[in-house]
Amino acid sequence: MKFKKTVTRLLSILIVSVFCFTLFFVSGFAVDINKNGSITLHVADSEEKIPLQVATFRLYLFAAAHKKSDGVGYEYVIPYDNCNMDMDNLQDPYLPVHLAYFALTHSLPYTEITSDAKGNIVFDKLLPGVYLILATDILENYFLPSPFVVNIPIYNHEEESWEYDINATPKMQICYEDV
């Protein structure tokens, strides 16, 4: 009888411990796909680090986020589902260029913002998803930076948390004329 009580107590402690550990462990990895985020671009000369005040960028949402058992998954939004690119590899170097071509040739909706005096552009109140960022107008003597994609949210492995407010610095290179 005493043995049965001891086993019952140990099992109870074990169950409570596992439950508490699971709550603690999973909460660090829990993603909230209903939480809005932002993308802040810091637009500056890549060499001189001088903020560029006259840079305009477009933002296109091309994939919506959804919860998966291991984090976040993404699915193309209409009409990007017809762009013929694989959604499984967001690191594909051709994806941003292909999406930019698709967006421009199909006149798809976008948000466009010009940098402020400090060279910052803030796209806020963004739903979780994958966004294409495309430069459309910059100072005359600069190359247009390549289009790129940004995920909201992204997982920060060091902090073991999801980040919804993303900072990015497009590479802005000056175009030197031949003398």
Foldseek 3Di string as FASTA:
>chain_A
DVVVVVVVVVVVVVVVVVVVVCVVQVVLQDDDQADWFKEKEQEAAQPPRQAFQFWKKKKDFFWGWDADPRHIAIDGDPPSNPLPDDRVCLPPPCVLVSVVVVCVVVVHDIDMDTAHNRNMDMDTRHGFGKMKMFIDDGDPFKDGFGIHMDGAWDADPVSSHTHRYHYYYTHIHGHDDDD
